[in-house]
Amino acid sequence: MIYIIPTDTCYWIACSLDDITNYEKIYKIKKRSFAKPIAIMVLDFNWLKTNTTLNDKQIEFLKNYNKPFTVLTNSVPISLWLNYESENWEWFQNRDMYKKIALRVAHNDAQKKLIKEIWPIFLTSANTSGEKEIYKKEEIKEAFSYYLEKKIVEILPWEVGNNKSSDIFEFSWDGLWIRYLRKN
């Protein structure tokens, strides 16, 4: 299943981390290049502590960051998953694009419930690549009417935040020096 998820910024489109078919559908729906990886939303900061190379000081910084953020970091479990190969398994065609993983932390009950049910999720803004983000439910319903009617996409309940977009950054080394890829 593909989900439309209200976030603290705009609406996002998502699927389970283990759903390669819908992962590829998201790229097609968005008309997004496979050369551009998409973010992964995880349950909480404990998940970051256990599954990434972020240290306690960096995680505490993220907990207190006063704006929506996406952090780029290394995650051995996700990297292993993305690069898993088997003759019975269709692998991610753009797995080489994930040198670092862009991670967001769930911030509302609907997101947390979904992640608990289906695993961490791939997600990216729910708009055609290069177009404006969508902030209104009516616009989402219009933009995704075909997929909603065919029950390919489901909209999660919740309201969208009022932030324009998240800051995207990574930490340099093990300190709190930040390199911003996008700052709002």
Protein backbone atom coordinates (compact mmCIF):
# COMPACT_ATOMS: atom_id res chain seq x y z
CA MET A 1 0.00 0.00 0.00
CA ILE A 2 1.07 3.58 -0.67
CA TYR A 3 0.14 6.15 1.96
CA ILE A 4 -0.34 9.91 1.87
CA ILE A 5 1.01 11.17 5.17
CA PRO A 6 0.41 14.59 6.69
CA THR A 7 3.67 15.81 8.26
CA ASP A 8 4.90 18.85 10.12
CA THR A 9 5.61 20.41 6.72
CA CYS A 10 3.47 19.22 3.79
CA TYR A 11 1.80 16.03 2.59
CA TRP A 12 4.20 13.19 1.85
CA ILE A 13 3.79 9.95 -0.08
CA ALA A 14 5.14 6.80 1.56
CA CYS A 15 5.42 3.02 1.62
CA SER A 16 7.00 0.40 3.82
CA LEU A 17 10.75 -0.04 3.65
CA ASP A 18 10.21 -3.63 2.50
CA ASP A 19 7.79 -2.79 -0.34
CA ILE A 20 9.94 -2.52 -3.47
CA THR A 21 6.95 -2.56 -5.83
CA ASN A 22 5.29 0.46 -4.23
CA TYR A 23 8.66 2.15 -3.74
CA GLU A 24 9.05 2.12 -7.53
CA LYS A 25 5.41 3.23 -8.00
CA ILE A 26 6.13 6.29 -5.88
CA TYR A 27 8.88 7.27 -8.30
CA LYS A 28 6.50 6.80 -11.23
CA ILE A 29 3.63 8.70 -9.59
CA LYS A 30 5.94 11.62 -8.78
CA LYS A 31 7.79 11.42 -12.11
CA ARG A 32 10.94 11.44 -10.00
CA SER A 33 14.35 10.40 -11.25
CA PHE A 34 15.72 7.22 -9.70
CA ALA A 35 18.98 9.16 -9.37
CA LYS A 36 17.40 10.96 -6.40
CA PRO A 37 17.02 8.85 -3.25
CA ILE A 38 14.09 9.44 -0.92
CA ALA A 39 13.99 9.84 2.86
CA ILE A 40 13.10 7.26 5.46
CA MET A 41 10.91 8.00 8.47
CA VAL A 42 11.66 6.09 11.65
CA LEU A 43 9.69 5.69 14.86
CA ASP A 44 11.72 7.73 17.34
CA PHE A 45 15.07 8.99 18.57
CA ASN A 46 15.79 5.65 20.23
CA TRP A 47 15.71 4.11 16.77
CA LEU A 48 18.30 6.66 15.63
CA LYS A 49 20.49 5.86 18.64
CA THR A 50 20.35 2.12 18.00
CA ASN A 51 20.54 2.05 14.19
CA THR A 52 22.71 4.97 13.07
CA THR A 53 26.17 6.37 13.63
CA LEU A 54 24.75 9.42 15.42
CA ASN A 55 26.12 9.84 18.93
CA ASP A 56 24.27 10.89 22.11
CA LYS A 57 25.26 14.54 21.75
CA GLN A 58 23.95 14.68 18.17
CA ILE A 59 20.70 12.91 19.05
CA GLU A 60 20.11 15.31 21.93
CA PHE A 61 20.70 18.19 19.50
CA LEU A 62 18.08 16.69 17.15
CA LYS A 63 15.57 16.25 19.98
CA ASN A 64 15.84 19.97 20.70
CA TYR A 65 15.99 21.18 17.10
CA ASN A 66 13.18 23.72 16.82
CA LYS A 67 12.20 23.11 13.17
CA PRO A 68 11.32 20.10 11.04
CA PHE A 69 14.50 18.36 9.92
CA THR A 70 15.90 15.59 7.80
CA VAL A 71 19.31 14.35 8.90
CA LEU A 72 21.74 12.49 6.65
CA THR A 73 23.74 9.81 8.38
CA ASN A 74 24.93 6.23 8.09
CA SER A 75 22.69 3.35 9.08
CA VAL A 76 24.15 -0.13 8.83
CA PRO A 77 20.76 -1.95 9.08
CA ILE A 78 19.18 0.17 6.34
CA SER A 79 22.26 -0.06 4.12
CA LEU A 80 22.29 -3.84 4.50
CA TRP A 81 18.57 -3.96 3.68
CA LEU A 82 18.91 -1.77 0.59
CA ASN A 83 21.82 -3.85 -0.67
CA TYR A 84 20.40 -7.29 0.11
CA GLU A 85 20.62 -9.63 -2.87
CA SER A 86 19.05 -12.99 -3.42
CA GLU A 87 17.83 -14.88 -6.44
CA ASN A 88 14.35 -14.78 -4.86
CA TRP A 89 14.45 -11.05 -4.13
CA GLU A 90 14.05 -8.07 -6.42
CA TRP A 91 16.53 -5.47 -5.20
CA PHE A 92 16.32 -1.68 -5.18
CA GLN A 93 17.38 -0.50 -8.62
CA ASN A 94 18.82 2.75 -7.26
CA ARG A 95 20.47 1.42 -4.13
CA ASP A 96 23.78 3.01 -5.13
CA MET A 97 22.20 6.43 -4.52
CA TYR A 98 22.00 5.78 -0.78
CA LYS A 99 25.54 6.57 0.34
CA LYS A 100 24.03 8.25 3.39
CA ILE A 101 20.47 7.80 4.54
CA ALA A 102 18.13 10.80 4.89
CA LEU A 103 16.12 10.21 8.06
CA ARG A 104 13.08 11.89 9.56
CA VAL A 105 11.58 11.05 12.94
CA ALA A 106 7.83 10.42 13.27
CA HIS A 107 6.19 13.29 15.13
CA ASN A 108 2.50 12.41 15.30
CA ASP A 109 0.40 9.43 16.38
CA ALA A 110 -0.72 8.49 12.84
CA GLN A 111 2.88 8.23 11.64
CA LYS A 112 3.99 6.27 14.72
CA LYS A 113 1.08 3.85 14.39
CA LEU A 114 1.87 3.23 10.72
CA ILE A 115 5.58 2.65 11.40
CA LYS A 116 4.77 0.23 14.23
CA GLU A 117 2.51 -1.70 11.84
CA ILE A 118 4.66 -1.81 8.71
CA TRP A 119 8.28 -0.92 9.59
CA PRO A 120 10.17 2.30 8.87
CA ILE A 121 8.83 3.96 5.76
CA PHE A 122 10.21 5.52 2.61
CA LEU A 123 8.71 8.94 2.08
CA THR A 124 8.97 11.99 -0.13
CA SER A 125 6.78 15.01 -0.70
CA ALA A 126 3.46 14.13 -2.35
CA ASN A 127 3.77 16.21 -5.48
CA THR A 128 5.09 15.80 -8.98
CA SER A 129 8.86 16.34 -8.95
CA GLY A 130 9.72 19.98 -9.51
CA GLU A 131 6.21 21.18 -8.60
CA LYS A 132 5.09 22.93 -5.41
CA GLU A 133 4.46 20.90 -2.26
CA ILE A 134 0.84 20.22 -1.32
CA TYR A 135 -0.48 21.58 1.98
CA LYS A 136 -4.27 21.19 1.61
CA LYS A 137 -6.30 17.99 1.80
CA GLU A 138 -8.52 19.09 -1.10
CA GLU A 139 -5.46 19.46 -3.34
CA ILE A 140 -4.18 16.02 -2.30
CA LYS A 141 -7.54 14.45 -3.09
CA GLU A 142 -7.54 16.13 -6.49
CA ALA A 143 -3.91 15.30 -7.33
CA PHE A 144 -4.27 11.65 -6.28
CA SER A 145 -7.91 11.05 -7.24
CA TYR A 146 -7.07 8.23 -9.68
CA TYR A 147 -4.90 6.42 -7.11
CA LEU A 148 -7.45 6.96 -4.34
CA GLU A 149 -10.29 5.61 -6.48
CA LYS A 150 -8.23 2.53 -7.43
CA LYS A 151 -7.31 2.09 -3.73
CA ILE A 152 -3.61 2.23 -4.57
CA VAL A 153 -3.17 5.13 -2.14
CA GLU A 154 -4.63 5.75 1.32
CA ILE A 155 -4.60 9.11 3.12
CA LEU A 156 -3.71 8.94 6.82
CA PRO A 157 -5.74 11.11 9.18
CA TRP A 158 -3.98 14.10 10.70
CA GLU A 159 -3.44 17.71 9.83
CA VAL A 160 -0.47 19.09 7.99
CA GLY A 161 1.84 21.41 9.93
CA ASN A 162 2.38 24.99 8.93
CA ASN A 163 6.08 24.83 8.09
CA LYS A 164 7.21 25.32 4.51
CA SER A 165 9.90 22.64 4.40
CA SER A 166 12.41 20.87 6.60
CA ASP A 167 16.04 21.74 7.08
CA ILE A 168 18.25 19.05 5.58
CA PHE A 169 21.69 18.62 7.10
CA GLU A 170 24.39 16.25 8.21
CA PHE A 171 26.85 16.36 11.07
CA SER A 172 30.55 16.65 10.36
CA TRP A 173 32.43 13.97 12.24
CA ASP A 174 31.21 13.22 15.74
CA GLY A 175 30.61 16.80 16.90
CA LEU A 176 27.82 19.30 16.37
CA TRP A 177 29.26 20.97 13.29
CA ILE A 178 26.49 20.96 10.73
CA ARG A 179 26.60 21.07 6.96
CA TYR A 180 23.25 22.24 5.62
CA LEU A 181 22.01 20.96 2.29
CA ARG A 182 18.86 23.07 2.70
CA LYS A 183 18.10 25.62 5.42
CA ASN A 184 14.83 27.50 5.77
